[in-house]
Amino acid sequence: MVFARGGCDVGLSPSENVVKKIKEESGDDTAVKKLLAVMDYNKHPHPPQPYYYYKLYIECELIGGHTVNGIETNDV
C-alpha cells in the first residue's frame, strides 16, 4: 500500500497530483485505481481552519520505479 500526503499543484487533476507526489517522495511509479473517500473538514468536528480544504483518499497500484528514502520519506 502506498500513502502520499500533501498539497496539490494547480492545473493538475487529483489523479495526476497523487501519481506525481508518490514519485517525488518514494521514487515509485503508480497507477490510480479508484477514489475511495472524500473528507470535507467543514463537515466534521474539527477546530476552525483558516482555509477551506478536503482530503481525497485514492487507491493506487505500484507499477514500477525504484523505491528510495528521501527527505520526506524514510523506511520505505
N, C-alpha and C. Protein backbone atom coordinates (compact mmCIF):
# COMPACT_ATOMS: atom_id res chain seq x y z
N MET A 1 0.84 -1.16 0.00
CA MET A 1 0.00 0.00 0.00
C MET A 1 0.89 1.23 0.00
N VAL A 2 0.54 2.23 -0.77
CA VAL A 2 1.32 3.45 -0.90
C VAL A 2 0.50 4.61 -0.36
N PHE A 3 1.13 5.44 0.45
CA PHE A 3 0.46 6.61 1.00
C PHE A 3 1.23 7.86 0.60
N ALA A 4 0.51 8.89 0.24
CA ALA A 4 1.13 10.19 -0.05
C ALA A 4 0.26 11.26 0.57
N ARG A 5 0.90 12.30 1.04
CA ARG A 5 0.16 13.39 1.67
C ARG A 5 0.77 14.70 1.22
N GLY A 6 -0.07 15.65 0.89
CA GLY A 6 0.47 16.96 0.54
C GLY A 6 -0.51 17.77 -0.26
N GLY A 7 -0.12 18.99 -0.50
CA GLY A 7 -0.94 19.89 -1.29
C GLY A 7 -0.89 19.53 -2.76
N CYS A 8 -1.87 20.00 -3.48
CA CYS A 8 -1.95 19.73 -4.92
C CYS A 8 -1.41 20.90 -5.72
N ASP A 9 -0.85 20.59 -6.87
CA ASP A 9 -0.39 21.62 -7.80
C ASP A 9 -1.58 22.09 -8.63
N VAL A 10 -1.70 23.39 -8.77
CA VAL A 10 -2.77 23.97 -9.59
C VAL A 10 -2.57 23.53 -11.03
N GLY A 11 -3.65 23.16 -11.67
CA GLY A 11 -3.60 22.76 -13.07
C GLY A 11 -3.48 21.25 -13.28
N LEU A 12 -3.22 20.50 -12.20
CA LEU A 12 -3.17 19.04 -12.30
C LEU A 12 -4.42 18.46 -11.66
N SER A 13 -4.89 17.37 -12.21
CA SER A 13 -6.05 16.68 -11.64
C SER A 13 -5.63 15.99 -10.34
N PRO A 14 -6.59 15.58 -9.51
CA PRO A 14 -6.23 14.81 -8.31
C PRO A 14 -5.42 13.56 -8.64
N SER A 15 -5.78 12.85 -9.69
CA SER A 15 -5.04 11.65 -10.09
C SER A 15 -3.61 11.99 -10.48
N GLU A 16 -3.44 13.04 -11.26
CA GLU A 16 -2.09 13.45 -11.68
C GLU A 16 -1.26 13.89 -10.48
N ASN A 17 -1.89 14.58 -9.55
CA ASN A 17 -1.19 15.04 -8.35
C ASN A 17 -0.71 13.89 -7.48
N VAL A 18 -1.54 12.88 -7.26
CA VAL A 18 -1.14 11.78 -6.38
C VAL A 18 -0.02 10.95 -7.02
N VAL A 19 -0.08 10.72 -8.32
CA VAL A 19 0.99 9.99 -9.00
C VAL A 19 2.30 10.77 -8.91
N LYS A 20 2.23 12.08 -9.12
CA LYS A 20 3.41 12.94 -9.05
C LYS A 20 4.00 12.95 -7.64
N LYS A 21 3.14 13.08 -6.63
CA LYS A 21 3.57 13.15 -5.24
C LYS A 21 4.25 11.84 -4.81
N ILE A 22 3.69 10.71 -5.17
CA ILE A 22 4.28 9.42 -4.81
C ILE A 22 5.64 9.27 -5.48
N LYS A 23 5.75 9.65 -6.74
CA LYS A 23 7.03 9.56 -7.46
C LYS A 23 8.07 10.45 -6.78
N GLU A 24 7.70 11.67 -6.43
CA GLU A 24 8.64 12.60 -5.79
C GLU A 24 9.11 12.10 -4.43
N GLU A 25 8.20 11.54 -3.65
CA GLU A 25 8.53 11.18 -2.28
C GLU A 25 9.13 9.79 -2.12
N SER A 26 8.80 8.86 -3.02
CA SER A 26 9.29 7.49 -2.83
C SER A 26 10.06 6.93 -4.01
N GLY A 27 9.94 7.56 -5.17
CA GLY A 27 10.58 7.04 -6.37
C GLY A 27 9.75 5.98 -7.08
N ASP A 28 8.60 5.63 -6.52
CA ASP A 28 7.75 4.59 -7.09
C ASP A 28 6.84 5.15 -8.19
N ASP A 29 6.61 4.33 -9.20
CA ASP A 29 5.64 4.64 -10.25
C ASP A 29 4.33 3.96 -9.88
N THR A 30 3.24 4.70 -9.98
CA THR A 30 1.94 4.16 -9.60
C THR A 30 0.89 4.48 -10.66
N ALA A 31 -0.18 3.72 -10.63
CA ALA A 31 -1.35 3.96 -11.46
C ALA A 31 -2.54 4.10 -10.52
N VAL A 32 -3.36 5.09 -10.79
CA VAL A 32 -4.55 5.32 -9.97
C VAL A 32 -5.60 4.27 -10.30
N LYS A 33 -6.17 3.68 -9.25
CA LYS A 33 -7.22 2.67 -9.44
C LYS A 33 -8.61 3.27 -9.22
N LYS A 34 -8.81 3.91 -8.04
CA LYS A 34 -10.14 4.48 -7.80
C LYS A 34 -10.11 5.44 -6.61
N LEU A 35 -11.10 6.31 -6.58
CA LEU A 35 -11.32 7.21 -5.46
C LEU A 35 -12.02 6.42 -4.36
N LEU A 36 -11.43 6.41 -3.17
CA LEU A 36 -12.01 5.66 -2.05
C LEU A 36 -12.92 6.51 -1.17
N ALA A 37 -12.52 7.75 -0.91
CA ALA A 37 -13.29 8.59 0.01
C ALA A 37 -12.91 10.05 -0.15
N VAL A 38 -13.82 10.93 0.28
CA VAL A 38 -13.56 12.36 0.34
C VAL A 38 -13.94 12.82 1.73
N MET A 39 -13.02 13.52 2.40
CA MET A 39 -13.31 14.05 3.73
C MET A 39 -13.27 15.57 3.67
N ASP A 40 -14.41 16.18 3.87
CA ASP A 40 -14.55 17.63 3.88
C ASP A 40 -14.44 18.10 5.33
N TYR A 41 -13.39 18.85 5.63
CA TYR A 41 -13.16 19.26 7.01
C TYR A 41 -14.30 20.10 7.58
N ASN A 42 -15.05 20.78 6.76
CA ASN A 42 -16.18 21.57 7.26
C ASN A 42 -17.37 20.70 7.67
N LYS A 43 -17.35 19.44 7.31
CA LYS A 43 -18.45 18.53 7.63
C LYS A 43 -18.14 17.62 8.81
N HIS A 44 -17.00 17.83 9.46
CA HIS A 44 -16.59 17.00 10.59
C HIS A 44 -16.20 17.90 11.76
N PRO A 45 -16.23 17.38 12.97
CA PRO A 45 -15.95 18.21 14.15
C PRO A 45 -14.45 18.50 14.35
N HIS A 46 -13.90 19.34 13.51
CA HIS A 46 -12.51 19.76 13.63
C HIS A 46 -12.47 21.22 14.08
N PRO A 47 -11.38 21.64 14.69
CA PRO A 47 -11.24 23.05 15.03
C PRO A 47 -11.32 23.90 13.76
N PRO A 48 -11.72 25.15 13.89
CA PRO A 48 -11.80 26.03 12.71
C PRO A 48 -10.44 26.12 12.00
N GLN A 49 -10.47 26.14 10.69
CA GLN A 49 -9.27 26.23 9.87
C GLN A 49 -9.26 27.56 9.12
N PRO A 50 -8.08 28.11 8.86
CA PRO A 50 -8.04 29.38 8.13
C PRO A 50 -8.39 29.24 6.65
N TYR A 51 -8.29 28.02 6.12
CA TYR A 51 -8.60 27.78 4.72
C TYR A 51 -9.59 26.64 4.60
N TYR A 52 -10.31 26.63 3.49
CA TYR A 52 -11.23 25.53 3.21
C TYR A 52 -10.46 24.45 2.48
N TYR A 53 -10.51 23.23 2.99
CA TYR A 53 -9.84 22.14 2.29
C TYR A 53 -10.51 20.82 2.60
N TYR A 54 -10.17 19.84 1.79
CA TYR A 54 -10.69 18.49 1.96
C TYR A 54 -9.60 17.50 1.56
N LYS A 55 -9.76 16.26 2.00
CA LYS A 55 -8.81 15.20 1.67
C LYS A 55 -9.47 14.21 0.73
N LEU A 56 -8.69 13.77 -0.24
CA LEU A 56 -9.11 12.71 -1.14
C LEU A 56 -8.28 11.48 -0.83
N TYR A 57 -8.93 10.35 -0.70
CA TYR A 57 -8.25 9.09 -0.48
C TYR A 57 -8.35 8.30 -1.79
N ILE A 58 -7.20 8.07 -2.40
CA ILE A 58 -7.15 7.47 -3.73
C ILE A 58 -6.33 6.18 -3.67
N GLU A 59 -6.92 5.09 -4.14
CA GLU A 59 -6.20 3.83 -4.20
C GLU A 59 -5.32 3.81 -5.44
N CYS A 60 -4.04 3.46 -5.23
CA CYS A 60 -3.09 3.37 -6.34
C CYS A 60 -2.44 2.00 -6.36
N GLU A 61 -1.98 1.63 -7.54
CA GLU A 61 -1.29 0.36 -7.71
C GLU A 61 0.17 0.64 -8.05
N LEU A 62 1.07 -0.06 -7.39
CA LEU A 62 2.50 0.07 -7.66
C LEU A 62 2.80 -0.62 -8.99
N ILE A 63 3.40 0.14 -9.94
CA ILE A 63 3.66 -0.43 -11.27
C ILE A 63 5.13 -0.41 -11.65
N GLY A 64 5.98 0.16 -10.80
CA GLY A 64 7.40 0.18 -11.13
C GLY A 64 8.13 1.26 -10.37
N GLY A 65 9.25 1.66 -10.93
CA GLY A 65 10.08 2.67 -10.29
C GLY A 65 11.11 2.03 -9.39
N HIS A 66 11.81 2.87 -8.68
CA HIS A 66 12.86 2.41 -7.79
C HIS A 66 12.67 3.10 -6.44
N THR A 67 12.20 2.35 -5.43
CA THR A 67 11.91 2.91 -4.12
C THR A 67 13.18 3.42 -3.46
N VAL A 68 13.12 4.67 -2.98
CA VAL A 68 14.27 5.28 -2.31
C VAL A 68 13.80 6.05 -1.07
N ASN A 69 14.67 6.13 -0.08
CA ASN A 69 14.42 7.03 1.05
C ASN A 69 14.76 8.44 0.61
N GLY A 70 14.06 9.41 1.16
CA GLY A 70 14.31 10.79 0.80
C GLY A 70 14.08 11.71 1.99
N ILE A 71 14.13 12.99 1.74
CA ILE A 71 13.97 13.99 2.79
C ILE A 71 12.58 13.91 3.44
N GLU A 72 11.56 13.53 2.66
CA GLU A 72 10.20 13.42 3.18
C GLU A 72 9.78 11.98 3.44
N THR A 73 10.62 11.04 3.09
CA THR A 73 10.25 9.63 3.19
C THR A 73 11.38 8.85 3.84
N ASN A 74 11.04 8.02 4.81
CA ASN A 74 12.03 7.12 5.37
C ASN A 74 11.41 5.75 5.58
N ASP A 75 12.25 4.75 5.68
CA ASP A 75 11.82 3.40 5.95
C ASP A 75 10.77 2.90 4.96
N VAL A 76 11.08 3.09 3.68
CA VAL A 76 10.16 2.59 2.63
C VAL A 76 10.56 1.21 2.19
